[in-house]
C-alpha atoms as a PDB file:
ATOM      1  CA  MET A   1      15.044   2.358   2.907  1.00  0.00           C
ATOM      2  CA  GLY A   2      13.800   5.929   3.557  1.00  0.00           C
ATOM      3  CA  PHE A   3      10.779   8.147   4.065  1.00  0.00           C
ATOM      4  CA  THR A   4       8.993   7.721   0.535  1.00  0.00           C
ATOM      5  CA  GLY A   5       6.200  10.268  -1.307  1.00  0.00           C
ATOM      6  CA  LEU A   6       4.530   9.312  -3.963  1.00  0.00           C
ATOM      7  CA  ALA A   7       2.714  11.313  -6.296  1.00  0.00           C
ATOM      8  CA  ARG A   8       0.079  10.704  -9.628  1.00  0.00           C
ATOM      9  CA  TRP A   9       0.911  12.344 -13.011  1.00  0.00           C
ATOM     10  CA  ILE A  10      -2.712  12.116 -14.001  1.00  0.00           C
ATOM     11  CA  ASN A  11      -2.299  13.178 -17.800  1.00  0.00           C
ATOM     12  CA  ALA A  12       1.323  12.310 -19.096  1.00  0.00           C
ATOM     13  CA  PRO A  13       1.765  12.319 -22.584  1.00  0.00           C
ATOM     14  CA  THR A  14       3.238   9.139 -23.891  1.00  0.00           C
ATOM     15  CA  THR A  15       6.956  10.365 -24.221  1.00  0.00           C
ATOM     16  CA  GLY A  16       6.618  11.304 -20.357  1.00  0.00           C
ATOM     17  CA  LEU A  17       9.202   8.782 -19.483  1.00  0.00           C
ATOM     18  CA  GLU A  18      11.850  10.224 -21.694  1.00  0.00           C
ATOM     19  CA  LEU A  19      11.336  13.949 -20.488  1.00  0.00           C
ATOM     20  CA  ILE A  20      11.785  13.184 -16.923  1.00  0.00           C
ATOM     21  CA  THR A  21      14.634  11.040 -17.508  1.00  0.00           C
ATOM     22  CA  GLU A  22      16.267  13.849 -19.095  1.00  0.00           C
ATOM     23  CA  ASN A  23      15.010  16.095 -16.235  1.00  0.00           C
ATOM     24  CA  ILE A  24      16.876  14.026 -13.639  1.00  0.00           C
ATOM     25  CA  VAL A  25      20.099  12.982 -15.413  1.00  0.00           C
ATOM     26  CA  ARG A  26      20.505  16.727 -16.615  1.00  0.00           C
ATOM     27  CA  ASN A  27      19.694  19.047 -14.401  1.00  0.00           C
ATOM     28  CA  HIS A  28      19.619  16.762 -10.957  1.00  0.00           C
ATOM     29  CA  HIS A  29      22.383  14.712 -12.335  1.00  0.00           C
ATOM     30  CA  GLY A  30      20.804  11.211 -11.728  1.00  0.00           C
ATOM     31  CA  GLN A  31      22.259   8.245 -12.032  1.00  0.00           C
ATOM     32  CA  PHE A  32      20.147   5.050 -13.241  1.00  0.00           C
ATOM     33  CA  ARG A  33      19.904   2.676 -10.693  1.00  0.00           C
ATOM     34  CA  GLY A  34      17.517  -0.190 -12.474  1.00  0.00           C
ATOM     35  CA  LYS A  35      14.379  -0.897 -13.828  1.00  0.00           C
ATOM     36  CA  TRP A  36      10.801  -0.018 -11.834  1.00  0.00           C
ATOM     37  CA  GLN A  37       8.476  -2.789 -12.429  1.00  0.00           C
ATOM     38  CA  LEU A  38       5.173  -3.494 -10.914  1.00  0.00           C
ATOM     39  CA  ASN A  39       1.889  -5.719 -12.009  1.00  0.00           C
ATOM     40  CA  VAL A  40      -1.198  -4.976 -10.475  1.00  0.00           C
ATOM     41  CA  ARG A  41      -4.380  -7.242 -11.067  1.00  0.00           C
ATOM     42  CA  SER A  42      -7.761  -6.997  -9.478  1.00  0.00           C
ATOM     43  CA  PHE A  43     -10.404  -9.720  -8.742  1.00  0.00           C
ATOM     44  CA  ARG A  44     -13.898  -9.824  -7.953  1.00  0.00           C
ATOM     45  CA  SER A  45     -15.697 -12.161  -5.360  1.00  0.00           C
ATOM     46  CA  THR A  46     -18.725 -13.934  -7.403  1.00  0.00           C
ATOM     47  CA  LEU A  47     -20.080 -15.319  -4.178  1.00  0.00           C
ATOM     48  CA  GLY A  48     -23.025 -12.938  -5.206  1.00  0.00           C
ATOM     49  CA  ALA A  49     -24.096 -15.306  -7.800  1.00  0.00           C
ATOM     50  CA  SER A  50     -24.347 -18.271  -5.627  1.00  0.00           C
ATOM     51  CA  PRO A  51     -27.794 -19.679  -4.969  1.00  0.00           C
ATOM     52  CA  GLY A  52     -29.466 -18.938  -1.820  1.00  0.00           C
ATOM     53  CA  THR A  53     -26.380 -16.529  -1.060  1.00  0.00           C
ATOM     54  CA  GLN A  54     -27.364 -12.973  -0.221  1.00  0.00           C
ATOM     55  CA  VAL A  55     -24.330 -10.192  -0.061  1.00  0.00           C
ATOM     56  CA  GLN A  56     -25.011  -6.591   0.927  1.00  0.00           C
ATOM     57  CA  SER A  57     -22.554  -5.304  -1.541  1.00  0.00           C
ATOM     58  CA  GLU A  58     -19.983  -6.960  -3.555  1.00  0.00           C
ATOM     59  CA  ARG A  59     -16.080  -7.202  -2.255  1.00  0.00           C
ATOM     60  CA  SER A  60     -12.807  -6.210  -4.263  1.00  0.00           C
ATOM     61  CA  MET A  61      -9.343  -7.675  -4.315  1.00  0.00           C
ATOM     62  CA  CYS A  62      -6.341  -6.331  -5.794  1.00  0.00           C
ATOM     63  CA  ALA A  63      -3.112  -7.795  -5.703  1.00  0.00           C
ATOM     64  CA  LEU A  64       0.499  -5.968  -6.429  1.00  0.00           C
ATOM     65  CA  SER A  65       3.880  -7.552  -6.992  1.00  0.00           C
ATOM     66  CA  MET A  66       6.547  -5.795  -5.829  1.00  0.00           C
ATOM     67  CA  ASN A  67       9.843  -7.355  -6.023  1.00  0.00           C
ATOM     68  CA  GLU A  68       9.580 -10.979  -4.041  1.00  0.00           C
ATOM     69  CA  ASN A  69       6.364 -10.326  -2.403  1.00  0.00           C
ATOM     70  CA  VAL A  70       2.863  -9.762  -3.307  1.00  0.00           C
ATOM     71  CA  PHE A  71       0.180  -7.227  -1.413  1.00  0.00           C
ATOM     72  CA  VAL A  72      -2.909  -7.920  -1.572  1.00  0.00           C
ATOM     73  CA  LEU A  73      -5.764  -5.525  -0.356  1.00  0.00           C
ATOM     74  CA  LEU A  74      -9.250  -6.721   0.033  1.00  0.00           C
ATOM     75  CA  GLU A  75     -12.171  -4.443   0.890  1.00  0.00           C
ATOM     76  CA  ASP A  76     -15.821  -5.320   1.921  1.00  0.00           C
ATOM     77  CA  PRO A  77     -18.138  -2.373   1.996  1.00  0.00           C
ATOM     78  CA  SER A  78     -20.674  -3.480   4.035  1.00  0.00           C
ATOM     79  CA  ALA A  79     -18.506  -4.508   7.018  1.00  0.00           C
ATOM     80  CA  PRO A  80     -17.576  -1.735   9.726  1.00  0.00           C
ATOM     81  CA  THR A  81     -14.082   0.056  10.373  1.00  0.00           C
ATOM     82  CA  ARG A  82     -12.052  -0.495  13.331  1.00  0.00           C
ATOM     83  CA  ALA A  83     -12.603   3.044  14.147  1.00  0.00           C
ATOM     84  CA  ASP A  84     -16.644   2.325  13.729  1.00  0.00           C
ATOM     85  CA  VAL A  85     -16.241  -0.493  16.476  1.00  0.00           C
ATOM     86  CA  LEU A  86     -14.157   1.033  19.146  1.00  0.00           C
ATOM     87  CA  ALA A  87     -16.387   4.157  18.829  1.00  0.00           C
ATOM     88  CA  MET A  88     -19.292   1.859  19.518  1.00  0.00           C
ATOM     89  CA  ALA A  89     -17.849  -0.084  22.583  1.00  0.00           C
ATOM     90  CA  PRO A  90     -17.700   0.417  26.256  1.00  0.00           C
ATOM     91  CA  PRO A  91     -14.671   3.035  27.229  1.00  0.00           C
ATOM     92  CA  ASP A  92     -13.656   0.465  29.980  1.00  0.00           C
ATOM     93  CA  LEU A  93     -12.873  -2.098  28.008  1.00  0.00           C
ATOM     94  CA  ALA A  94      -9.579  -2.883  26.607  1.00  0.00           C
ATOM     95  CA  PRO A  95      -9.078  -2.934  22.635  1.00  0.00           C
ATOM     96  CA  SER A  96      -8.578  -6.625  22.415  1.00  0.00           C
ATOM     97  CA  GLN A  97     -11.461  -7.870  25.022  1.00  0.00           C
ATOM     98  CA  ILE A  98     -14.285  -5.584  22.377  1.00  0.00           C
ATOM     99  CA  PRO A  99     -16.026  -8.199  20.216  1.00  0.00           C
ATOM    100  CA  GLY A 100     -15.194  -7.338  16.978  1.00  0.00           C
ATOM    101  CA  PRO A 101     -16.992  -8.884  13.258  1.00  0.00           C
ATOM    102  CA  THR A 102     -15.471 -11.652  11.550  1.00  0.00           C
ATOM    103  CA  HIS A 103     -13.671  -9.215   9.834  1.00  0.00           C
ATOM    104  CA  TYR A 104     -13.270  -5.289   9.343  1.00  0.00           C
ATOM    105  CA  ARG A 105     -13.548  -3.410   6.319  1.00  0.00           C
ATOM    106  CA  THR A 106      -9.868  -3.679   4.887  1.00  0.00           C
ATOM    107  CA  THR A 107      -7.540  -6.313   4.867  1.00  0.00           C
ATOM    108  CA  PHE A 108      -4.212  -5.566   3.847  1.00  0.00           C
ATOM    109  CA  LEU A 109      -2.187  -9.065   3.621  1.00  0.00           C
ATOM    110  CA  THR A 110       1.716  -9.630   2.431  1.00  0.00           C
ATOM    111  CA  LEU A 111       2.130 -12.757   0.326  1.00  0.00           C
ATOM    112  CA  LYS A 112       5.316 -14.752  -0.990  1.00  0.00           C
ATOM    113  CA  PRO A 113       6.831 -15.232  -3.203  1.00  0.00           C
ATOM    114  CA  PRO A 114       4.960 -14.404  -6.489  1.00  0.00           C
ATOM    115  CA  GLY A 115       1.873 -16.770  -7.849  1.00  0.00           C
ATOM    116  CA  ALA A 116       1.145 -17.462  -4.550  1.00  0.00           C
ATOM    117  CA  LEU A 117      -1.967 -15.815  -4.534  1.00  0.00           C
ATOM    118  CA  GLU A 118      -3.257 -17.250  -7.367  1.00  0.00           C
ATOM    119  CA  GLN A 119      -1.942 -20.971  -6.134  1.00  0.00           C
ATOM    120  CA  LEU A 120      -4.056 -20.375  -3.017  1.00  0.00           C
ATOM    121  CA  LEU A 121      -7.393 -19.561  -4.896  1.00  0.00           C
ATOM    122  CA  ALA A 122      -7.085 -22.281  -6.635  1.00  0.00           C
ATOM    123  CA  GLN A 123      -6.641 -24.586  -4.116  1.00  0.00           C
ATOM    124  CA  LEU A 124      -9.470 -23.362  -2.186  1.00  0.00           C
ATOM    125  CA  ARG A 125     -11.528 -22.971  -5.240  1.00  0.00           C
ATOM    126  CA  ALA A 126     -12.424 -19.363  -3.511  1.00  0.00           C
ATOM    127  CA  ARG A 127     -15.039 -17.711  -5.691  1.00  0.00           C
ATOM    128  CA  TRP A 128     -12.665 -14.906  -7.317  1.00  0.00           C
ATOM    129  CA  VAL A 129     -12.394 -14.048 -10.464  1.00  0.00           C
ATOM    130  CA  PRO A 130     -10.357 -11.201 -12.622  1.00  0.00           C
ATOM    131  CA  VAL A 131     -12.307  -7.946 -13.069  1.00  0.00           C
ATOM    132  CA  ARG A 132     -12.018  -7.467 -16.771  1.00  0.00           C
ATOM    133  CA  GLN A 133     -12.001 -11.271 -17.618  1.00  0.00           C
ATOM    134  CA  THR A 134     -14.113 -12.191 -21.028  1.00  0.00           C
ATOM    135  CA  ALA A 135     -16.810 -15.050 -21.243  1.00  0.00           C
ATOM    136  CA  SER A 136     -14.100 -17.188 -23.499  1.00  0.00           C
ATOM    137  CA  SER A 137     -12.034 -17.592 -20.422  1.00  0.00           C
ATOM    138  CA  THR A 138     -14.393 -18.803 -17.631  1.00  0.00           C
ATOM    139  CA  SER A 139     -12.677 -21.944 -17.858  1.00  0.00           C
ATOM    140  CA  GLN A 140      -9.685 -19.663 -16.244  1.00  0.00           C
ATOM    141  CA  ARG A 141     -11.608 -18.997 -12.796  1.00  0.00           C
ATOM    142  CA  GLY A 142      -9.534 -18.277 -10.064  1.00  0.00           C
ATOM    143  CA  GLN A 143      -6.349 -17.740 -12.034  1.00  0.00           C
ATOM    144  CA  ALA A 144      -5.052 -13.961 -12.048  1.00  0.00           C
ATOM    145  CA  MET A 145      -4.543 -12.039 -15.264  1.00  0.00           C
ATOM    146  CA  GLY A 146      -2.665  -9.011 -15.695  1.00  0.00           C
ATOM    147  CA  GLN A 147      -4.518  -6.273 -15.595  1.00  0.00           C
ATOM    148  CA  LEU A 148      -1.968  -3.687 -15.655  1.00  0.00           C
ATOM    149  CA  ASN A 149       1.881  -2.935 -15.833  1.00  0.00           C
ATOM    150  CA  ILE A 150       3.901  -0.027 -13.808  1.00  0.00           C
ATOM    151  CA  ASP A 151       7.170   0.302 -16.453  1.00  0.00           C
ATOM    152  CA  GLY A 152       9.700   3.168 -15.449  1.00  0.00           C
ATOM    153  CA  ASN A 153      13.056   3.035 -14.178  1.00  0.00           C
ATOM    154  CA  ILE A 154      14.730   4.114 -10.781  1.00  0.00           C
ATOM    155  CA  PHE A 155      17.309   6.968 -10.356  1.00  0.00           C
ATOM    156  CA  ALA A 156      19.523   7.754  -7.359  1.00  0.00           C
ATOM    157  CA  ILE A 157      20.008  11.854  -6.918  1.00  0.00           C
ATOM    158  CA  GLY A 158      23.075  12.050  -5.195  1.00  0.00           C
ATOM    159  CA  ASN A 159      23.912   9.990  -1.793  1.00  0.00           C
ATOM    160  CA  ASP A 160      20.379  10.788  -0.416  1.00  0.00           C
ATOM    161  CA  TRP A 161      17.670  10.203  -3.032  1.00  0.00           C
ATOM    162  CA  LEU A 162      15.903   7.437  -4.891  1.00  0.00           C
ATOM    163  CA  VAL A 163      13.354   8.146  -7.453  1.00  0.00           C
ATOM    164  CA  ARG A 164      10.886   5.815  -9.377  1.00  0.00           C
ATOM    165  CA  VAL A 165       9.167   6.827 -12.910  1.00  0.00           C
ATOM    166  CA  GLY A 166       7.029   4.947 -14.644  1.00  0.00           C
ATOM    167  CA  ASN A 167       4.051   4.474 -17.109  1.00  0.00           C
ATOM    168  CA  VAL A 168       0.925   2.572 -15.455  1.00  0.00           C
ATOM    169  CA  ILE A 169       0.662   0.735 -18.215  1.00  0.00           C
ATOM    170  CA  LEU A 170      -3.115  -0.795 -19.085  1.00  0.00           C
ATOM    171  CA  ALA A 171      -3.421  -4.735 -20.414  1.00  0.00           C
ATOM    172  CA  GLY A 172      -3.812  -3.155 -24.008  1.00  0.00           C
ATOM    173  CA  GLY A 173      -1.048  -1.575 -23.965  1.00  0.00           C
ATOM    174  CA  ALA A 174      -2.536   1.884 -23.630  1.00  0.00           C
ATOM    175  CA  VAL A 175      -0.670   4.370 -21.338  1.00  0.00           C
ATOM    176  CA  LYS A 176      -2.554   5.949 -19.063  1.00  0.00           C
ATOM    177  CA  GLY A 177      -0.682   8.606 -16.678  1.00  0.00           C
ATOM    178  CA  MET A 178       2.571   7.637 -14.449  1.00  0.00           C
ATOM    179  CA  LEU A 179       3.346   7.189 -10.603  1.00  0.00           C
ATOM    180  CA  LEU A 180       6.499   8.883  -9.329  1.00  0.00           C
ATOM    181  CA  GLU A 181       7.898   7.777  -6.064  1.00  0.00           C
ATOM    182  CA  ALA A 182      10.705   9.801  -3.956  1.00  0.00           C
ATOM    183  CA  GLU A 183      12.197   7.964  -1.459  1.00  0.00           C
ATOM    184  CA  TYR A 184      14.395   9.788   1.372  1.00  0.00           C
ATOM    185  CA  LEU A 185      17.210   7.664   2.455  1.00  0.00           C
ATOM    186  CA  PRO A 186      18.654   9.373   5.456  1.00  0.00           C
ATOM    187  CA  LEU A 187      14.911   8.917   7.270  1.00  0.00           C
ATOM    188  CA  PRO A 188      13.149   5.553   7.750  1.00  0.00           C
ATOM    189  CA  VAL A 189      10.654   7.656   9.736  1.00  0.00           C
ATOM    190  CA  LEU A 190       9.002  10.899   9.872  1.00  0.00           C
ATOM    191  CA  HIS A 191       5.971  12.371  10.843  1.00  0.00           C
ATOM    192  CA  SER A 192       4.155  14.755   9.148  1.00  0.00           C
ATOM    193  CA  GLN A 193       2.909  17.466  10.683  1.00  0.00           C
ATOM    194  CA  THR A 194      -0.101  17.947   8.135  1.00  0.00           C
ATOM    195  CA  SER A 195      -3.389  15.678   8.526  1.00  0.00           C
ATOM    196  CA  ASP A 196      -2.729  14.107   5.171  1.00  0.00           C
ATOM    197  CA  GLY A 197       0.422  12.942   5.728  1.00  0.00           C
ATOM    198  CA  THR A 198       1.846  15.034   3.097  1.00  0.00           C
ATOM    199  CA  SER A 199       5.545  15.944   2.811  1.00  0.00           C
ATOM    200  CA  GLU A 200       6.685  19.429   1.919  1.00  0.00           C
ATOM    201  CA  LEU A 201      10.211  17.806   1.557  1.00  0.00           C
ATOM    202  CA  LEU A 202       8.857  15.585  -0.571  1.00  0.00           C
ATOM    203  CA  SER A 203       6.752  17.178  -2.552  1.00  0.00           C
ATOM    204  CA  ASN A 204       9.508  19.575  -3.233  1.00  0.00           C
ATOM    205  CA  LEU A 205      11.570  16.929  -4.946  1.00  0.00           C
ATOM    206  CA  LEU A 206       8.924  15.166  -6.658  1.00  0.00           C
ATOM    207  CA  THR A 207       7.983  18.831  -8.478  1.00  0.00           C
ATOM    208  CA  SER A 208      11.371  19.579  -9.670  1.00  0.00           C
ATOM    209  CA  VAL A 209      11.513  16.505 -11.350  1.00  0.00           C
ATOM    210  CA  LEU A 210       8.349  17.323 -13.055  1.00  0.00           C
ATOM    211  CA  PRO A 211       9.288  18.948 -16.599  1.00  0.00           C
ATOM    212  CA  ASN A 212       7.316  22.473 -17.307  1.00  0.00           C
ATOM    213  CA  ILE A 213       4.571  21.105 -19.613  1.00  0.00           C
ATOM    214  CA  ARG A 214       1.711  23.833 -19.577  1.00  0.00           C
ATOM    215  CA  ASP A 215      -1.279  21.782 -17.915  1.00  0.00           C
ATOM    216  CA  ALA A 216       0.193  19.215 -16.423  1.00  0.00           C
ATOM    217  CA  LYS A 217      -2.408  17.652 -14.405  1.00  0.00           C
ATOM    218  CA  THR A 218      -0.310  16.259 -10.549  1.00  0.00           C
ATOM    219  CA  VAL A 219      -1.690  15.122  -7.546  1.00  0.00           C
ATOM    220  CA  ALA A 220      -0.492  13.834  -4.561  1.00  0.00           C
ATOM    221  CA  VAL A 221      -0.683  10.453  -3.426  1.00  0.00           C
ATOM    222  CA  THR A 222      -0.696  10.008   1.043  1.00  0.00           C
ATOM    223  CA  ILE A 223      -2.424   8.643   4.086  1.00  0.00           C
ATOM    224  CA  SER A 224      -2.486   9.634   6.920  1.00  0.00           C
ATOM    225  CA  ASP A 225      -0.903   8.022  10.348  1.00  0.00           C
ATOM    226  CA  SER A 226      -4.292   7.370  11.859  1.00  0.00           C
ATOM    227  CA  GLN A 227      -5.336   5.947   8.406  1.00  0.00           C
ATOM    228  CA  TRP A 228      -2.580   4.030   8.282  1.00  0.00           C
ATOM    229  CA  GLU A 229      -3.021   2.294  11.539  1.00  0.00           C
ATOM    230  CA  GLU A 230      -6.147   1.174  10.552  1.00  0.00           C
ATOM    231  CA  VAL A 231      -4.684  -0.537   7.762  1.00  0.00           C
ATOM    232  CA  LEU A 232      -1.801  -2.444   9.768  1.00  0.00           C
ATOM    233  CA  TRP A 233      -4.119  -3.395  12.910  1.00  0.00           C
ATOM    234  CA  ASP A 234      -3.484  -6.967  14.141  1.00  0.00           C
ATOM    235  CA  ARG A 235      -5.598  -9.079  16.630  1.00  0.00           C
ATOM    236  CA  GLU A 236      -2.799 -10.935  17.944  1.00  0.00           C
ATOM    237  CA  GLU A 237      -0.120  -8.086  17.868  1.00  0.00           C
ATOM    238  CA  GLU A 238      -2.559  -6.101  19.872  1.00  0.00           C
ATOM    239  CA  GLU A 239      -2.651  -8.688  22.832  1.00  0.00           C
ATOM    240  CA  ARG A 240       0.953  -9.164  22.337  1.00  0.00           C
ATOM    241  CA  GLY A 241       1.537  -5.649  22.901  1.00  0.00           C
ATOM    242  CA  GLU A 242      -1.269  -5.360  26.238  1.00  0.00           C
ATOM    243  CA  LYS A 243       0.726  -8.193  27.533  1.00  0.00           C
ATOM    244  CA  THR A 244       3.842  -6.748  27.216  1.00  0.00           C
ATOM    245  CA  LYS A 245       2.253  -3.384  28.737  1.00  0.00           C
ATOM    246  CA  ARG A 246       1.042  -5.520  31.809  1.00  0.00           C
ATOM    247  CA  ILE A 247       4.880  -6.859  31.966  1.00  0.00           C
ATOM    248  CA  GLU A 248       6.347  -3.714  32.038  1.00  0.00           C
ATOM    249  CA  GLU A 249       4.301  -2.315  34.891  1.00  0.00           C
ATOM    250  CA  GLU A 250       4.773  -4.858  37.238  1.00  0.00           C
ATOM    251  CA  VAL A 251       8.459  -4.896  36.672  1.00  0.00           C
ATOM    252  CA  PHE A 252       8.237  -0.697  36.735  1.00  0.00           C
ATOM    253  CA  ASP A 253       6.519  -1.455  40.477  1.00  0.00           C
ATOM    254  CA  ASP A 254       9.051  -3.847  41.624  1.00  0.00           C
ATOM    255  CA  ILE A 255      11.158  -1.784  44.065  1.00  0.00           C
ATOM    256  CA  TYR A 256      14.358  -4.303  43.295  1.00  0.00           C
ATOM    257  CA  VAL A 257      14.346  -3.305  39.612  1.00  0.00           C
ATOM    258  CA  SER A 258      16.271  -0.018  38.923  1.00  0.00           C
ATOM    259  CA  ASN A 259      15.112   2.106  35.964  1.00  0.00           C
ATOM    260  CA  GLU A 260      17.966   0.950  33.932  1.00  0.00           C
ATOM    261  CA  GLN A 261      16.609  -2.332  33.748  1.00  0.00           C
ATOM    262  CA  VAL A 262      13.174  -1.132  31.989  1.00  0.00           C
ATOM    263  CA  ARG A 263      13.474  -1.283  28.283  1.00  0.00           C
ATOM    264  CA  ASP A 264      11.041   0.456  25.924  1.00  0.00           C
ATOM    265  CA  VAL A 265       9.898  -1.766  23.328  1.00  0.00           C
ATOM    266  CA  PRO A 266      11.104  -1.313  20.339  1.00  0.00           C
ATOM    267  CA  VAL A 267       8.821   0.502  17.812  1.00  0.00           C
ATOM    268  CA  LYS A 268       8.494  -0.996  13.700  1.00  0.00           C
ATOM    269  CA  GLY A 269       9.744   0.670  11.314  1.00  0.00           C
ATOM    270  CA  ASP A 270       6.959   1.692   8.204  1.00  0.00           C
ATOM    271  CA  TRP A 271       9.623   2.794   6.141  1.00  0.00           C
ATOM    272  CA  VAL A 272      12.280   0.064   6.941  1.00  0.00           C
ATOM    273  CA  GLY A 273      12.101  -3.032   4.762  1.00  0.00           C
ATOM    274  CA  VAL A 274       9.001  -4.712   3.587  1.00  0.00           C
ATOM    275  CA  ASP A 275       7.268  -2.611   5.446  1.00  0.00           C
ATOM    276  CA  ARG A 276       8.315   0.395   2.900  1.00  0.00           C
ATOM    277  CA  ASP A 277       7.164  -1.767   0.088  1.00  0.00           C
ATOM    278  CA  ARG A 278       3.682  -2.241   1.929  1.00  0.00           C
ATOM    279  CA  ARG A 279       2.449   1.013   2.576  1.00  0.00           C
ATOM    280  CA  SER A 280       3.935   2.319  -1.081  1.00  0.00           C
ATOM    281  CA  ALA A 281       1.762  -0.513  -2.603  1.00  0.00           C
ATOM    282  CA  PHE A 282      -1.079   0.295  -0.584  1.00  0.00           C
ATOM    283  CA  LEU A 283      -1.219   4.153  -1.989  1.00  0.00           C
ATOM    284  CA  ILE A 284      -0.039   2.751  -5.359  1.00  0.00           C
ATOM    285  CA  ILE A 285      -3.600   0.581  -5.483  1.00  0.00           C
ATOM    286  CA  GLY A 286      -5.363   3.488  -3.545  1.00  0.00           C
ATOM    287  CA  ALA A 287      -4.502   6.122  -6.405  1.00  0.00           C
ATOM    288  CA  LEU A 288      -5.569   3.620  -9.339  1.00  0.00           C
ATOM    289  CA  LYS A 289      -8.590   2.538  -6.644  1.00  0.00           C
ATOM    290  CA  SER A 290      -9.809   6.043  -7.025  1.00  0.00           C
ATOM    291  CA  GLU A 291      -9.606   6.487 -10.466  1.00  0.00           C
ATOM    292  CA  GLY A 292     -11.104   3.247 -11.651  1.00  0.00           C
ATOM    293  CA  ILE A 293      -8.502   2.081 -13.156  1.00  0.00           C
ATOM    294  CA  LEU A 294      -8.820  -0.617 -11.139  1.00  0.00           C
END
C-alpha cells in the first residue's frame, strides 16, 4: 500500500463511472482489479431528549465499513480540540501531564469485524439512532441502517498505481456524484510541501483519469499533517513515547554505551496497511459531511 489522494466529482453524471472506466482502460491501459464497495452510516445522539439532561450541542457519529474494518468518527462540537488544550496549558508541562477534558472534539476509532458497532450499541443500550430513521422504525433504535454506499471499480495502471472510482449512492438509489482515489504504491510516505496536504503527483493522475466534460466540478479532499496528528492522538501512546524518550536520553548519557547501540524508535506509517485505510476513511467521511450528505 502507498501514498493516497482523494478527489470528489460533485456533479458527475449517472454515466460517470462508465466514462472513467473507458478512459482508464483505453488511454492508460488500466487493468480491472476488483470492485470498490464501501458502506457509510450516520447516527445522532438522543441524549438531549432525556428528561433532566442538558446537552449544549448534538453529537454526531459516522461509521464507514471498508474490507474487514469499520472506522467510526465521533464529533462533539462543544468539546475542545487537543490543540486548544495545549495552547492554554503552561509551557513547562509535558503533554502527558496536562489535565484534559473527558474527551476531545473528535474521536476516531477502528472496530473489527463489521457489525461490531451495532452489537456494541445494542449491548450498552446507547442512545444513538440513525440520522434518517423513520418514525415507524423506532423499535429498531440502536441498529444501523445503510444510509449510503460507494460502489465502483478498482484499476491498476502499470505497476505503480491503483485507482479506485465509485458512485456515491444514497439510500433511495439516487447517485450523488463520485469519489476517485489514487494510490501511488512505490511511496508509503509522502509529506506534502503545501499547507493543505495536496500532492501534485496524485492530483495530476486523478485529473488525467477524468473524462473531458464541460463544467465538471471536482475538488481535492485533503488534510494537513497537523490536523491528522490531532485525529490520531492517543493518550497512552503519548505516555509510552515520553517514557521511551527518557530511557533513550539515559542510555545516551551512559559512557559505556556506544552510538551504535542507540536506535531510533520506528515511526508508524500513515499509508501502510490499516493506517492507509483509516486515513482514506476519515477523508471520505469528511468530504460527505461537508456537503451535508451525512
